[in-house]
Amino acid sequence: MVVRMKKTTFVLDERVVDRLRHEAARSGRTMSQIVEAAIRRLLDDRTPSKDLPDLPTFRSGGYLVDVSDRDALHSTMERES
């Protein structure tokens, strides 16, 4: 299996970079290894979306105006204000 690597650039807060550099030195890993592991974990830990429940429905008593009828819509809006 061939693993291809791609070099890229990120703009990070310098406090984050300082913490990353410290962790790399402490753990004996490179900064790239830590960032890659963190990104992989973020992407792999995403739980698949569950089926969402149906939205509730209610009876509103019907439409007051046909919104596709521009004149009727404007007329109703003018009466309401």
Protein backbone atom coordinates (compact mmCIF):
# COMPACT_ATOMS: atom_id res chain seq x y z
CA MET A 1 0.00 0.00 0.00
CA VAL A 2 1.38 3.36 -1.05
CA VAL A 3 0.69 6.27 1.27
CA ARG A 4 0.81 9.62 -0.45
CA MET A 5 1.52 12.70 1.59
CA LYS A 6 0.52 16.23 0.70
CA LYS A 7 2.05 19.31 2.19
CA THR A 8 -0.34 22.08 3.15
CA THR A 9 -0.33 25.27 5.18
CA PHE A 10 -2.65 26.22 8.04
CA VAL A 11 -2.89 29.53 9.84
CA LEU A 12 -3.05 28.83 13.58
CA ASP A 13 -3.11 30.98 16.68
CA GLU A 14 0.45 31.17 17.98
CA ARG A 15 -0.69 30.00 21.43
CA VAL A 16 -2.01 26.82 19.81
CA VAL A 17 1.27 26.36 17.94
CA ASP A 18 3.24 26.84 21.17
CA ARG A 19 1.13 24.17 22.90
CA LEU A 20 1.48 21.90 19.88
CA ARG A 21 5.25 22.35 19.84
CA HIS A 22 5.42 21.58 23.58
CA GLU A 23 3.30 18.43 23.16
CA ALA A 24 5.44 17.27 20.24
CA ALA A 25 8.60 17.63 22.30
CA ARG A 26 7.01 15.95 25.31
CA SER A 27 5.63 12.99 23.36
CA GLY A 28 8.52 12.53 20.93
CA ARG A 29 6.28 12.97 17.90
CA THR A 30 6.35 15.59 15.19
CA MET A 31 3.83 18.40 15.10
CA SER A 32 2.54 16.98 11.81
CA GLN A 33 1.93 13.59 13.40
CA ILE A 34 -0.08 15.16 16.21
CA VAL A 35 -2.14 17.35 13.89
CA GLU A 36 -2.85 14.47 11.52
CA ALA A 37 -3.90 12.20 14.40
CA ALA A 38 -6.20 14.92 15.77
CA ILE A 39 -7.81 15.53 12.39
CA ARG A 40 -8.26 11.79 11.76
CA ARG A 41 -9.87 11.41 15.18
CA LEU A 42 -12.21 14.32 14.53
CA LEU A 43 -13.29 12.92 11.18
CA ASP A 44 -13.50 9.27 12.30
CA ASP A 45 -15.42 10.00 15.51
CA ARG A 46 -18.29 11.66 13.71
CA THR A 47 -21.30 9.58 14.48
CA PRO A 48 -23.54 8.85 11.54
CA SER A 49 -26.63 10.98 11.57
CA LYS A 50 -29.60 9.25 13.08
CA ASP A 51 -33.01 9.35 11.53
CA LEU A 52 -34.69 12.48 12.74
CA PRO A 53 -38.20 12.28 14.12
CA ASP A 54 -41.03 13.72 12.08
CA LEU A 55 -41.79 17.35 12.73
CA PRO A 56 -45.02 17.98 14.61
CA THR A 57 -48.07 18.98 12.61
CA PHE A 58 -51.06 21.04 13.60
CA ARG A 59 -54.28 22.30 12.12
CA SER A 60 -54.12 26.01 11.45
CA GLY A 61 -57.60 26.45 10.08
CA GLY A 62 -56.51 26.78 6.48
CA TYR A 63 -54.73 29.35 4.38
CA LEU A 64 -55.61 33.01 4.68
CA VAL A 65 -54.17 33.84 1.29
CA ASP A 66 -52.68 32.05 -1.70
CA VAL A 67 -49.02 33.12 -1.53
CA SER A 68 -48.58 32.41 -5.24
CA ASP A 69 -51.12 35.17 -5.99
CA ARG A 70 -49.05 38.33 -5.61
CA ASP A 71 -52.02 40.73 -5.71
CA ALA A 72 -53.96 38.79 -3.08
CA LEU A 73 -50.84 38.57 -0.90
CA HIS A 74 -50.19 42.32 -1.09
CA SER A 75 -53.85 43.07 -0.43
CA THR A 76 -53.89 40.85 2.65
CA MET A 77 -50.63 42.33 3.93
CA GLU A 78 -51.98 45.86 3.53
CA ARG A 79 -55.15 44.96 5.48
CA GLU A 80 -53.12 43.42 8.32
CA SER A 81 -50.94 46.49 8.91
